[in-house]
Amino acid sequence: MLETIKKGLVTSCQALPDEPLHSPFIMAKMALAAKQGGACGIRANSKEDIIAIKQEIDLPVIGIVKQDYPNSDVFITATKRESDLLIESKCEMIALDATLRVRPNGETLEELVSYIKEKAPNVQLMADISTVKEAINAETIGFDCISTTLFGYTNDTKGSKLFDNEFYFLKKVLQSVSIPVIAEGNVITPEMAKQVLDLGAHSVVVGGAISRPQQITARFVEKIQKG
């Protein structure tokens, strides 16, 4: 999959249960629209959505399962249970929270990586990270690529944006690892997508700015109200 998405746009098509577009059928049509627009890959949440998307289009899919657990902030493909669902979905790549936070059920990130590699050796692994230290650790334990997905979304990085200081964080990650780095998280304009690729990102994932109408509408309303 990494070769297919090289220097291209991956569209994240996700709608959680409390969102208006939550539906495998709608996500499949959203993915079709993304393909027609030129996307070279899809990132999707849940086994059901991924299966529906793969029945609609032939683009490779980065799969995740978001699940909250007590006593842990890790919720993106947190345990073996979510990993099994993604393997069953036949997605080409599995993305996991690769932060150094405590995971549910006493499982460790290293154990989870080994588990998936043994059960699905042809599925590539993406590390969703929030710090440079996590990126280096992810490369060490065998991930195929890094994604900046969680920068700004952990307690330690809350309030930060990937585009801050001319994408300073992305540049630091690119300097620190040798495996492909995918830019993801708050890439909200075509100009930003072009910029991160020019900086050396292997690919760029754009979600809410394309596939979440409520977020797009809110940006318009905010701008109008601020004058």
C-alpha atoms as a PDB file:
ATOM      1  CA  MET A   1       0.000   0.000   0.000  1.00  0.00           C
ATOM      2  CA  LEU A   2       2.826   2.391   0.776  1.00  0.00           C
ATOM      3  CA  GLU A   3       3.931   2.399  -2.846  1.00  0.00           C
ATOM      4  CA  THR A   4       0.377   3.043  -4.058  1.00  0.00           C
ATOM      5  CA  ILE A   5      -0.125   6.113  -1.878  1.00  0.00           C
ATOM      6  CA  LYS A   6       3.342   7.597  -2.373  1.00  0.00           C
ATOM      7  CA  LYS A   7       3.099  11.394  -2.864  1.00  0.00           C
ATOM      8  CA  GLY A   8      -0.674  11.115  -3.059  1.00  0.00           C
ATOM      9  CA  LEU A   9      -3.774  12.000  -1.081  1.00  0.00           C
ATOM     10  CA  VAL A  10      -5.447   9.559   1.295  1.00  0.00           C
ATOM     11  CA  THR A  11      -8.931  10.593   2.354  1.00  0.00           C
ATOM     12  CA  SER A  12     -10.142   9.668   5.798  1.00  0.00           C
ATOM     13  CA  CYS A  13     -13.807   8.688   5.632  1.00  0.00           C
ATOM     14  CA  GLN A  14     -15.072   8.370   9.176  1.00  0.00           C
ATOM     15  CA  ALA A  15     -18.278   9.143  11.019  1.00  0.00           C
ATOM     16  CA  LEU A  16     -18.665   8.073  14.638  1.00  0.00           C
ATOM     17  CA  PRO A  17     -22.004   6.829  16.048  1.00  0.00           C
ATOM     18  CA  ASP A  18     -22.952  10.310  17.287  1.00  0.00           C
ATOM     19  CA  GLU A  19     -22.369  11.921  13.867  1.00  0.00           C
ATOM     20  CA  PRO A  20     -25.103  12.424  11.213  1.00  0.00           C
ATOM     21  CA  LEU A  21     -23.308  10.453   8.474  1.00  0.00           C
ATOM     22  CA  HIS A  22     -22.596   7.378  10.605  1.00  0.00           C
ATOM     23  CA  SER A  23     -23.349   4.496   8.234  1.00  0.00           C
ATOM     24  CA  PRO A  24     -21.276   1.976   6.259  1.00  0.00           C
ATOM     25  CA  PHE A  25     -23.360   2.801   3.175  1.00  0.00           C
ATOM     26  CA  ILE A  26     -22.658   6.521   3.461  1.00  0.00           C
ATOM     27  CA  MET A  27     -18.945   5.976   4.150  1.00  0.00           C
ATOM     28  CA  ALA A  28     -18.718   3.754   1.065  1.00  0.00           C
ATOM     29  CA  LYS A  29     -20.251   6.512  -1.054  1.00  0.00           C
ATOM     30  CA  MET A  30     -17.958   9.062   0.592  1.00  0.00           C
ATOM     31  CA  ALA A  31     -15.000   6.855  -0.372  1.00  0.00           C
ATOM     32  CA  LEU A  32     -16.319   6.596  -3.928  1.00  0.00           C
ATOM     33  CA  ALA A  33     -16.508  10.382  -4.113  1.00  0.00           C
ATOM     34  CA  ALA A  34     -12.947  10.594  -2.796  1.00  0.00           C
ATOM     35  CA  LYS A  35     -11.762   8.174  -5.463  1.00  0.00           C
ATOM     36  CA  GLN A  36     -13.516  10.140  -8.176  1.00  0.00           C
ATOM     37  CA  GLY A  37     -11.748  13.228  -6.870  1.00  0.00           C
ATOM     38  CA  GLY A  38      -8.352  11.588  -7.196  1.00  0.00           C
ATOM     39  CA  ALA A  39      -7.611  10.093  -3.785  1.00  0.00           C
ATOM     40  CA  CYS A  40      -5.244   7.129  -3.918  1.00  0.00           C
ATOM     41  CA  GLY A  41      -6.242   5.546  -0.607  1.00  0.00           C
ATOM     42  CA  ILE A  42      -8.830   5.617   2.158  1.00  0.00           C
ATOM     43  CA  ARG A  43      -8.547   5.634   5.945  1.00  0.00           C
ATOM     44  CA  ALA A  44     -11.654   4.179   7.601  1.00  0.00           C
ATOM     45  CA  ASN A  45     -12.987   3.255  11.015  1.00  0.00           C
ATOM     46  CA  SER A  46     -14.626  -0.110  11.846  1.00  0.00           C
ATOM     47  CA  LYS A  47     -14.790  -3.491  10.173  1.00  0.00           C
ATOM     48  CA  GLU A  48     -18.279  -2.747   8.829  1.00  0.00           C
ATOM     49  CA  ASP A  49     -17.262   0.508   7.125  1.00  0.00           C
ATOM     50  CA  ILE A  50     -14.129  -1.030   5.614  1.00  0.00           C
ATOM     51  CA  ILE A  51     -16.015  -3.985   4.145  1.00  0.00           C
ATOM     52  CA  ALA A  52     -18.613  -1.635   2.633  1.00  0.00           C
ATOM     53  CA  ILE A  53     -15.879   0.605   1.200  1.00  0.00           C
ATOM     54  CA  LYS A  54     -14.011  -2.321  -0.333  1.00  0.00           C
ATOM     55  CA  GLN A  55     -17.227  -3.498  -1.995  1.00  0.00           C
ATOM     56  CA  GLU A  56     -17.623  -0.023  -3.532  1.00  0.00           C
ATOM     57  CA  ILE A  57     -14.088   0.825  -4.670  1.00  0.00           C
ATOM     58  CA  ASP A  58     -10.715  -0.797  -5.271  1.00  0.00           C
ATOM     59  CA  LEU A  59      -8.485   1.668  -3.405  1.00  0.00           C
ATOM     60  CA  PRO A  60      -6.315   0.354  -0.547  1.00  0.00           C
ATOM     61  CA  VAL A  61      -7.611   1.045   2.945  1.00  0.00           C
ATOM     62  CA  ILE A  62      -5.900   2.036   6.188  1.00  0.00           C
ATOM     63  CA  GLY A  63      -8.108   0.487   8.844  1.00  0.00           C
ATOM     64  CA  ILE A  64      -8.673   1.551  12.422  1.00  0.00           C
ATOM     65  CA  VAL A  65     -11.188   0.679  15.131  1.00  0.00           C
ATOM     66  CA  LYS A  66     -11.928   3.368  17.677  1.00  0.00           C
ATOM     67  CA  GLN A  67     -12.950   1.943  21.038  1.00  0.00           C
ATOM     68  CA  ASP A  68     -12.911   3.628  24.444  1.00  0.00           C
ATOM     69  CA  TYR A  69     -11.644   1.662  27.431  1.00  0.00           C
ATOM     70  CA  PRO A  70     -11.659   2.528  31.139  1.00  0.00           C
ATOM     71  CA  ASN A  71      -8.312   3.483  32.685  1.00  0.00           C
ATOM     72  CA  SER A  72      -6.632   4.167  29.343  1.00  0.00           C
ATOM     73  CA  ASP A  73      -6.580   7.077  26.913  1.00  0.00           C
ATOM     74  CA  VAL A  74      -5.605   4.770  24.038  1.00  0.00           C
ATOM     75  CA  PHE A  75      -8.583   4.296  21.710  1.00  0.00           C
ATOM     76  CA  ILE A  76      -7.278   3.792  18.149  1.00  0.00           C
ATOM     77  CA  THR A  77      -6.879   0.037  17.577  1.00  0.00           C
ATOM     78  CA  ALA A  78      -6.068  -0.358  21.234  1.00  0.00           C
ATOM     79  CA  THR A  79      -6.086  -4.147  21.720  1.00  0.00           C
ATOM     80  CA  LYS A  80      -5.913  -7.509  19.981  1.00  0.00           C
ATOM     81  CA  ARG A  81      -9.707  -7.503  19.725  1.00  0.00           C
ATOM     82  CA  GLU A  82      -9.745  -4.466  17.423  1.00  0.00           C
ATOM     83  CA  SER A  83      -6.766  -5.838  15.510  1.00  0.00           C
ATOM     84  CA  ASP A  84      -8.640  -9.074  14.821  1.00  0.00           C
ATOM     85  CA  LEU A  85     -11.616  -7.121  13.461  1.00  0.00           C
ATOM     86  CA  LEU A  86      -9.343  -5.237  11.075  1.00  0.00           C
ATOM     87  CA  ILE A  87      -7.591  -8.390   9.893  1.00  0.00           C
ATOM     88  CA  GLU A  88     -11.041  -9.824   9.131  1.00  0.00           C
ATOM     89  CA  SER A  89     -11.917  -6.665   7.161  1.00  0.00           C
ATOM     90  CA  LYS A  90      -9.082  -7.387   4.680  1.00  0.00           C
ATOM     91  CA  CYS A  91      -7.730  -3.830   4.881  1.00  0.00           C
ATOM     92  CA  GLU A  92      -4.249  -3.359   3.444  1.00  0.00           C
ATOM     93  CA  MET A  93      -2.840  -1.417   6.402  1.00  0.00           C
ATOM     94  CA  ILE A  94      -3.700  -1.251  10.106  1.00  0.00           C
ATOM     95  CA  ALA A  95      -3.090   1.953  12.058  1.00  0.00           C
ATOM     96  CA  LEU A  96      -2.553   1.756  15.803  1.00  0.00           C
ATOM     97  CA  ASP A  97      -2.113   4.280  18.568  1.00  0.00           C
ATOM     98  CA  ALA A  98       1.656   4.049  19.005  1.00  0.00           C
ATOM     99  CA  THR A  99       1.973   6.487  21.887  1.00  0.00           C
ATOM    100  CA  LEU A 100       3.775   5.375  25.013  1.00  0.00           C
ATOM    101  CA  ARG A 101       0.631   5.589  27.118  1.00  0.00           C
ATOM    102  CA  VAL A 102      -0.665   2.636  29.113  1.00  0.00           C
ATOM    103  CA  ARG A 103      -2.833   0.391  26.935  1.00  0.00           C
ATOM    104  CA  PRO A 104      -6.005  -1.453  27.984  1.00  0.00           C
ATOM    105  CA  ASN A 105      -5.963  -5.046  29.256  1.00  0.00           C
ATOM    106  CA  GLY A 106      -2.291  -4.877  30.197  1.00  0.00           C
ATOM    107  CA  GLU A 107      -1.266  -5.357  26.558  1.00  0.00           C
ATOM    108  CA  THR A 108       1.870  -3.630  25.296  1.00  0.00           C
ATOM    109  CA  LEU A 109       2.494  -1.994  21.943  1.00  0.00           C
ATOM    110  CA  GLU A 110       5.322  -4.415  21.212  1.00  0.00           C
ATOM    111  CA  GLU A 111       3.066  -7.410  21.872  1.00  0.00           C
ATOM    112  CA  LEU A 112       0.372  -5.997  19.615  1.00  0.00           C
ATOM    113  CA  VAL A 113       2.776  -5.374  16.740  1.00  0.00           C
ATOM    114  CA  SER A 114       4.128  -8.931  16.997  1.00  0.00           C
ATOM    115  CA  TYR A 115       0.598 -10.339  17.219  1.00  0.00           C
ATOM    116  CA  ILE A 116      -0.565  -8.623  14.018  1.00  0.00           C
ATOM    117  CA  LYS A 117       2.604  -9.441  12.112  1.00  0.00           C
ATOM    118  CA  GLU A 118       2.186 -13.127  12.981  1.00  0.00           C
ATOM    119  CA  LYS A 119      -1.523 -13.302  12.132  1.00  0.00           C
ATOM    120  CA  ALA A 120      -1.430 -11.058   9.034  1.00  0.00           C
ATOM    121  CA  PRO A 121       2.131 -10.796   7.706  1.00  0.00           C
ATOM    122  CA  ASN A 122       0.993  -9.086   4.500  1.00  0.00           C
ATOM    123  CA  VAL A 123      -0.782  -6.235   6.295  1.00  0.00           C
ATOM    124  CA  GLN A 124       1.336  -3.124   6.770  1.00  0.00           C
ATOM    125  CA  LEU A 125       1.386  -1.270  10.087  1.00  0.00           C
ATOM    126  CA  MET A 126       1.041   2.476  10.603  1.00  0.00           C
ATOM    127  CA  ALA A 127       2.085   4.078  13.896  1.00  0.00           C
ATOM    128  CA  ASP A 128      -0.148   6.947  14.989  1.00  0.00           C
ATOM    129  CA  ILE A 129       2.189   9.068  17.119  1.00  0.00           C
ATOM    130  CA  SER A 130       2.232  12.401  18.945  1.00  0.00           C
ATOM    131  CA  THR A 131       5.935  12.888  19.746  1.00  0.00           C
ATOM    132  CA  VAL A 132       9.316  12.330  18.121  1.00  0.00           C
ATOM    133  CA  LYS A 133      10.202   9.819  20.852  1.00  0.00           C
ATOM    134  CA  GLU A 134       7.150   7.742  19.935  1.00  0.00           C
ATOM    135  CA  ALA A 135       8.106   7.853  16.254  1.00  0.00           C
ATOM    136  CA  ILE A 136      11.595   6.539  16.992  1.00  0.00           C
ATOM    137  CA  ASN A 137      10.169   3.797  19.208  1.00  0.00           C
ATOM    138  CA  ALA A 138       7.670   2.797  16.507  1.00  0.00           C
ATOM    139  CA  GLU A 139      10.422   2.408  13.938  1.00  0.00           C
ATOM    140  CA  THR A 140      12.464   0.339  16.387  1.00  0.00           C
ATOM    141  CA  ILE A 141       9.693  -2.161  17.104  1.00  0.00           C
ATOM    142  CA  GLY A 142       8.834  -2.806  13.466  1.00  0.00           C
ATOM    143  CA  PHE A 143       6.166  -0.446  12.163  1.00  0.00           C
ATOM    144  CA  ASP A 144       6.171   0.113   8.395  1.00  0.00           C
ATOM    145  CA  CYS A 145       5.380   3.829   8.555  1.00  0.00           C
ATOM    146  CA  ILE A 146       4.699   6.734  10.898  1.00  0.00           C
ATOM    147  CA  SER A 147       1.680   9.027  10.932  1.00  0.00           C
ATOM    148  CA  THR A 148       1.485  12.314  12.823  1.00  0.00           C
ATOM    149  CA  THR A 149      -2.189  11.648  13.570  1.00  0.00           C
ATOM    150  CA  LEU A 150      -2.118  12.178  17.325  1.00  0.00           C
ATOM    151  CA  PHE A 151      -0.013  15.354  17.498  1.00  0.00           C
ATOM    152  CA  GLY A 152      -2.285  17.788  19.313  1.00  0.00           C
ATOM    153  CA  TYR A 153      -4.618  15.068  20.526  1.00  0.00           C
ATOM    154  CA  THR A 154      -2.840  13.830  23.671  1.00  0.00           C
ATOM    155  CA  ASN A 155      -2.568  15.514  27.056  1.00  0.00           C
ATOM    156  CA  ASP A 156       1.098  16.329  26.393  1.00  0.00           C
ATOM    157  CA  THR A 157       0.456  17.913  22.987  1.00  0.00           C
ATOM    158  CA  LYS A 158      -3.028  19.326  23.491  1.00  0.00           C
ATOM    159  CA  GLY A 159      -3.503  22.639  21.702  1.00  0.00           C
ATOM    160  CA  SER A 160      -0.740  22.018  19.174  1.00  0.00           C
ATOM    161  CA  LYS A 161      -1.460  21.943  15.455  1.00  0.00           C
ATOM    162  CA  LEU A 162       0.575  20.131  12.820  1.00  0.00           C
ATOM    163  CA  PHE A 163       0.813  23.356  10.809  1.00  0.00           C
ATOM    164  CA  ASP A 164       2.283  25.333  13.729  1.00  0.00           C
ATOM    165  CA  ASN A 165       5.630  26.984  12.982  1.00  0.00           C
ATOM    166  CA  GLU A 166       5.671  25.906   9.341  1.00  0.00           C
ATOM    167  CA  PHE A 167       5.108  22.231  10.233  1.00  0.00           C
ATOM    168  CA  TYR A 168       8.001  22.172  12.693  1.00  0.00           C
ATOM    169  CA  PHE A 169       6.879  18.885  14.309  1.00  0.00           C
ATOM    170  CA  LEU A 170       6.588  17.111  10.958  1.00  0.00           C
ATOM    171  CA  LYS A 171      10.085  18.264  10.045  1.00  0.00           C
ATOM    172  CA  LYS A 172      11.484  16.896  13.332  1.00  0.00           C
ATOM    173  CA  VAL A 173       9.831  13.520  12.767  1.00  0.00           C
ATOM    174  CA  LEU A 174      11.160  13.363   9.207  1.00  0.00           C
ATOM    175  CA  GLN A 175      14.668  14.029  10.520  1.00  0.00           C
ATOM    176  CA  SER A 176      14.382  11.360  13.223  1.00  0.00           C
ATOM    177  CA  VAL A 177      13.239   8.211  11.405  1.00  0.00           C
ATOM    178  CA  SER A 178      14.074   6.454   8.155  1.00  0.00           C
ATOM    179  CA  ILE A 179      10.723   4.776   7.452  1.00  0.00           C
ATOM    180  CA  PRO A 180       7.999   6.666   5.522  1.00  0.00           C
ATOM    181  CA  VAL A 181       6.215   9.472   7.387  1.00  0.00           C
ATOM    182  CA  ILE A 182       2.606  10.281   6.528  1.00  0.00           C
ATOM    183  CA  ALA A 183       1.345  13.760   7.410  1.00  0.00           C
ATOM    184  CA  GLU A 184      -2.044  13.601   9.123  1.00  0.00           C
ATOM    185  CA  GLY A 185      -3.977  15.814  11.493  1.00  0.00           C
ATOM    186  CA  ASN A 186      -5.164  19.358  10.820  1.00  0.00           C
ATOM    187  CA  VAL A 187      -4.106  19.395   7.188  1.00  0.00           C
ATOM    188  CA  ILE A 188      -7.064  21.549   6.228  1.00  0.00           C
ATOM    189  CA  THR A 189      -6.280  23.135   2.846  1.00  0.00           C
ATOM    190  CA  PRO A 190      -4.932  21.923  -0.531  1.00  0.00           C
ATOM    191  CA  GLU A 191      -1.998  24.279  -0.024  1.00  0.00           C
ATOM    192  CA  MET A 192      -1.094  22.570   3.254  1.00  0.00           C
ATOM    193  CA  ALA A 193      -1.327  19.139   1.612  1.00  0.00           C
ATOM    194  CA  LYS A 194       1.070  20.268  -1.111  1.00  0.00           C
ATOM    195  CA  GLN A 195       3.396  21.815   1.472  1.00  0.00           C
ATOM    196  CA  VAL A 196       3.759  18.669   3.609  1.00  0.00           C
ATOM    197  CA  LEU A 197       4.541  16.574   0.535  1.00  0.00           C
ATOM    198  CA  ASP A 198       7.151  19.122  -0.535  1.00  0.00           C
ATOM    199  CA  LEU A 199       8.679  18.880   2.942  1.00  0.00           C
ATOM    200  CA  GLY A 200       9.213  15.162   2.446  1.00  0.00           C
ATOM    201  CA  ALA A 201       6.100  13.446   3.722  1.00  0.00           C
ATOM    202  CA  HIS A 202       5.512  10.145   1.952  1.00  0.00           C
ATOM    203  CA  SER A 203       1.788  10.834   1.681  1.00  0.00           C
ATOM    204  CA  VAL A 204      -0.878  13.023   3.255  1.00  0.00           C
ATOM    205  CA  VAL A 205      -4.117  11.997   4.960  1.00  0.00           C
ATOM    206  CA  VAL A 206      -6.961  14.529   5.015  1.00  0.00           C
ATOM    207  CA  GLY A 207     -10.144  13.814   6.921  1.00  0.00           C
ATOM    208  CA  GLY A 208     -12.473  16.422   8.348  1.00  0.00           C
ATOM    209  CA  ALA A 209     -11.609  19.071   5.763  1.00  0.00           C
ATOM    210  CA  ILE A 210     -13.029  16.766   3.073  1.00  0.00           C
ATOM    211  CA  SER A 211     -15.398  14.265   4.628  1.00  0.00           C
ATOM    212  CA  ARG A 212     -17.009  15.892   7.666  1.00  0.00           C
ATOM    213  CA  PRO A 213     -19.628  18.429   6.487  1.00  0.00           C
ATOM    214  CA  GLN A 214     -20.306  19.621  10.028  1.00  0.00           C
ATOM    215  CA  GLN A 215     -16.649  20.659  10.431  1.00  0.00           C
ATOM    216  CA  ILE A 216     -16.565  22.323   7.024  1.00  0.00           C
ATOM    217  CA  THR A 217     -19.766  24.228   7.820  1.00  0.00           C
ATOM    218  CA  ALA A 218     -18.425  25.302  11.208  1.00  0.00           C
ATOM    219  CA  ARG A 219     -15.316  26.786   9.582  1.00  0.00           C
ATOM    220  CA  PHE A 220     -17.497  28.885   7.270  1.00  0.00           C
ATOM    221  CA  VAL A 221     -19.749  30.025  10.113  1.00  0.00           C
ATOM    222  CA  GLU A 222     -16.790  30.898  12.339  1.00  0.00           C
ATOM    223  CA  LYS A 223     -15.244  33.003   9.613  1.00  0.00           C
ATOM    224  CA  ILE A 224     -18.519  34.782   8.868  1.00  0.00           C
ATOM    225  CA  GLN A 225     -19.194  35.555  12.515  1.00  0.00           C
ATOM    226  CA  LYS A 226     -15.671  36.857  13.131  1.00  0.00           C
ATOM    227  CA  GLY A 227     -16.033  39.183  10.162  1.00  0.00           C
END
